[in-house]
């Protein structure tokens, strides 16, 4: 299991848990933040290899970082890629049961 986590970390930074992504999880959609270079095909092969499931659809978007002000200096937050993966209901329950263990 440790090697599969290392394999996942090459593509995915972390799971995104915002109000919108939690609401989407009720529709069997999981949301991750991923590297900007990752493609849909590489995400599909990673999911099939690690969890042994096939996603129904994968949507990605490149989110530009915000310009922020900190102590009278302008800065910019990092750009990131958001990945939304739609799964069947059986696959979603399989993933939720693996997270509990």
C-alpha atoms as a PDB file:
ATOM      1  CA  UNK A   1       0.000   0.000   0.000  1.00  0.00           C
ATOM      2  CA  UNK A   2       2.910   2.342   0.680  1.00  0.00           C
ATOM      3  CA  UNK A   3       4.136   2.104  -2.926  1.00  0.00           C
ATOM      4  CA  UNK A   4       0.662   2.928  -4.249  1.00  0.00           C
ATOM      5  CA  UNK A   5       0.533   6.071  -2.084  1.00  0.00           C
ATOM      6  CA  UNK A   6       3.919   7.099  -3.436  1.00  0.00           C
ATOM      7  CA  UNK A   7       2.603   6.466  -6.961  1.00  0.00           C
ATOM      8  CA  UNK A   8      -0.486   8.617  -6.277  1.00  0.00           C
ATOM      9  CA  UNK A   9       1.608  11.471  -4.880  1.00  0.00           C
ATOM     10  CA  UNK A  10       3.284  11.856  -8.272  1.00  0.00           C
ATOM     11  CA  UNK A  11      -0.066  13.034  -9.646  1.00  0.00           C
ATOM     12  CA  UNK A  12      -2.251  14.217  -6.771  1.00  0.00           C
ATOM     13  CA  UNK A  13      -1.392  16.765  -4.074  1.00  0.00           C
ATOM     14  CA  UNK A  14      -4.410  16.331  -1.817  1.00  0.00           C
ATOM     15  CA  UNK A  15      -8.141  15.843  -1.732  1.00  0.00           C
ATOM     16  CA  UNK A  16     -10.162  19.029  -1.915  1.00  0.00           C
ATOM     17  CA  UNK A  17     -12.766  19.397   0.816  1.00  0.00           C
ATOM     18  CA  UNK A  18     -14.704  22.559   0.195  1.00  0.00           C
ATOM     19  CA  UNK A  19     -18.437  23.014   0.539  1.00  0.00           C
ATOM     20  CA  UNK A  20     -18.888  22.562  -3.190  1.00  0.00           C
ATOM     21  CA  UNK A  21     -16.772  19.389  -3.385  1.00  0.00           C
ATOM     22  CA  UNK A  22     -18.544  17.821  -0.391  1.00  0.00           C
ATOM     23  CA  UNK A  23     -21.878  18.521  -2.081  1.00  0.00           C
ATOM     24  CA  UNK A  24     -20.527  16.937  -5.291  1.00  0.00           C
ATOM     25  CA  UNK A  25     -19.465  13.820  -3.385  1.00  0.00           C
ATOM     26  CA  UNK A  26     -23.146  13.094  -2.835  1.00  0.00           C
ATOM     27  CA  UNK A  27     -23.329  12.719  -6.642  1.00  0.00           C
ATOM     28  CA  UNK A  28     -20.368  10.269  -6.642  1.00  0.00           C
ATOM     29  CA  UNK A  29     -17.804  12.894  -7.682  1.00  0.00           C
ATOM     30  CA  UNK A  30     -14.469  13.147  -5.867  1.00  0.00           C
ATOM     31  CA  UNK A  31     -12.278  16.241  -6.196  1.00  0.00           C
ATOM     32  CA  UNK A  32      -8.488  16.496  -5.969  1.00  0.00           C
ATOM     33  CA  UNK A  33      -5.798  19.093  -6.434  1.00  0.00           C
ATOM     34  CA  UNK A  34      -3.202  17.780  -8.862  1.00  0.00           C
ATOM     35  CA  UNK A  35       0.018  18.825 -10.556  1.00  0.00           C
ATOM     36  CA  UNK A  36      -0.443  21.195 -13.478  1.00  0.00           C
ATOM     37  CA  UNK A  37       1.280  18.810 -15.913  1.00  0.00           C
ATOM     38  CA  UNK A  38      -1.071  15.873 -15.249  1.00  0.00           C
ATOM     39  CA  UNK A  39      -3.371  14.761 -18.078  1.00  0.00           C
ATOM     40  CA  UNK A  40      -6.742  13.030 -17.943  1.00  0.00           C
ATOM     41  CA  UNK A  41      -5.267   9.814 -19.339  1.00  0.00           C
ATOM     42  CA  UNK A  42      -2.555   9.660 -16.671  1.00  0.00           C
ATOM     43  CA  UNK A  43      -5.151  10.238 -13.938  1.00  0.00           C
ATOM     44  CA  UNK A  44      -7.331   7.467 -15.410  1.00  0.00           C
ATOM     45  CA  UNK A  45      -4.443   4.968 -15.431  1.00  0.00           C
ATOM     46  CA  UNK A  46      -3.458   5.963 -11.872  1.00  0.00           C
ATOM     47  CA  UNK A  47      -7.015   5.394 -10.585  1.00  0.00           C
ATOM     48  CA  UNK A  48      -7.328   2.074 -12.401  1.00  0.00           C
ATOM     49  CA  UNK A  49      -3.930   0.964 -11.084  1.00  0.00           C
ATOM     50  CA  UNK A  50      -4.281   2.011  -7.446  1.00  0.00           C
ATOM     51  CA  UNK A  51      -7.983   1.451  -6.712  1.00  0.00           C
ATOM     52  CA  UNK A  52      -8.843  -1.106  -9.455  1.00  0.00           C
ATOM     53  CA  UNK A  53     -11.870   0.926 -10.584  1.00  0.00           C
ATOM     54  CA  UNK A  54     -12.693   2.709 -13.825  1.00  0.00           C
ATOM     55  CA  UNK A  55     -14.009   6.277 -13.623  1.00  0.00           C
ATOM     56  CA  UNK A  56     -17.062   7.246 -15.643  1.00  0.00           C
ATOM     57  CA  UNK A  57     -15.672  10.702 -16.491  1.00  0.00           C
ATOM     58  CA  UNK A  58     -12.792  12.980 -15.551  1.00  0.00           C
ATOM     59  CA  UNK A  59     -12.976  16.763 -15.685  1.00  0.00           C
ATOM     60  CA  UNK A  60     -10.011  19.057 -15.118  1.00  0.00           C
ATOM     61  CA  UNK A  61      -9.593  22.794 -14.841  1.00  0.00           C
ATOM     62  CA  UNK A  62      -6.564  25.004 -14.375  1.00  0.00           C
ATOM     63  CA  UNK A  63      -7.223  27.525 -11.612  1.00  0.00           C
ATOM     64  CA  UNK A  64      -5.101  30.673 -11.735  1.00  0.00           C
ATOM     65  CA  UNK A  65      -3.766  31.920  -8.411  1.00  0.00           C
ATOM     66  CA  UNK A  66      -5.182  35.063  -6.850  1.00  0.00           C
ATOM     67  CA  UNK A  67      -3.250  38.294  -6.468  1.00  0.00           C
ATOM     68  CA  UNK A  68      -3.080  39.013  -2.745  1.00  0.00           C
ATOM     69  CA  UNK A  69      -1.667  41.753  -0.570  1.00  0.00           C
ATOM     70  CA  UNK A  70       0.439  40.907   2.477  1.00  0.00           C
ATOM     71  CA  UNK A  71       2.000  43.676   4.604  1.00  0.00           C
ATOM     72  CA  UNK A  72       1.723  46.293   1.826  1.00  0.00           C
ATOM     73  CA  UNK A  73       3.323  43.976  -0.744  1.00  0.00           C
ATOM     74  CA  UNK A  74       1.617  42.353  -3.660  1.00  0.00           C
ATOM     75  CA  UNK A  75       2.003  38.644  -4.099  1.00  0.00           C
ATOM     76  CA  UNK A  76       0.414  35.858  -6.067  1.00  0.00           C
ATOM     77  CA  UNK A  77      -0.904  32.511  -4.894  1.00  0.00           C
ATOM     78  CA  UNK A  78       0.160  29.424  -6.823  1.00  0.00           C
ATOM     79  CA  UNK A  79      -1.743  28.133  -9.840  1.00  0.00           C
ATOM     80  CA  UNK A  80      -3.210  24.658  -9.464  1.00  0.00           C
ATOM     81  CA  UNK A  81      -5.172  22.037 -11.377  1.00  0.00           C
ATOM     82  CA  UNK A  82      -8.477  20.793 -10.016  1.00  0.00           C
ATOM     83  CA  UNK A  83      -9.552  17.269 -10.979  1.00  0.00           C
ATOM     84  CA  UNK A  84     -13.153  16.063 -10.622  1.00  0.00           C
ATOM     85  CA  UNK A  85     -13.668  12.317 -11.059  1.00  0.00           C
ATOM     86  CA  UNK A  86     -17.146  10.813 -11.485  1.00  0.00           C
ATOM     87  CA  UNK A  87     -17.492   7.240 -10.252  1.00  0.00           C
ATOM     88  CA  UNK A  88     -20.264   4.689 -10.214  1.00  0.00           C
ATOM     89  CA  UNK A  89     -22.052   4.250  -6.893  1.00  0.00           C
ATOM     90  CA  UNK A  90     -20.457   0.815  -6.321  1.00  0.00           C
ATOM     91  CA  UNK A  91     -16.956   2.225  -6.857  1.00  0.00           C
ATOM     92  CA  UNK A  92     -17.689   5.157  -4.552  1.00  0.00           C
ATOM     93  CA  UNK A  93     -18.701   2.841  -1.707  1.00  0.00           C
ATOM     94  CA  UNK A  94     -15.541   0.790  -2.340  1.00  0.00           C
ATOM     95  CA  UNK A  95     -13.360   3.901  -1.967  1.00  0.00           C
ATOM     96  CA  UNK A  96     -15.212   5.073   1.155  1.00  0.00           C
ATOM     97  CA  UNK A  97     -14.782   1.673   2.781  1.00  0.00           C
ATOM     98  CA  UNK A  98     -11.027   1.753   2.021  1.00  0.00           C
ATOM     99  CA  UNK A  99     -10.693   5.209   3.622  1.00  0.00           C
ATOM    100  CA  UNK A 100     -12.289   3.989   6.862  1.00  0.00           C
ATOM    101  CA  UNK A 101      -9.726   1.198   7.322  1.00  0.00           C
END
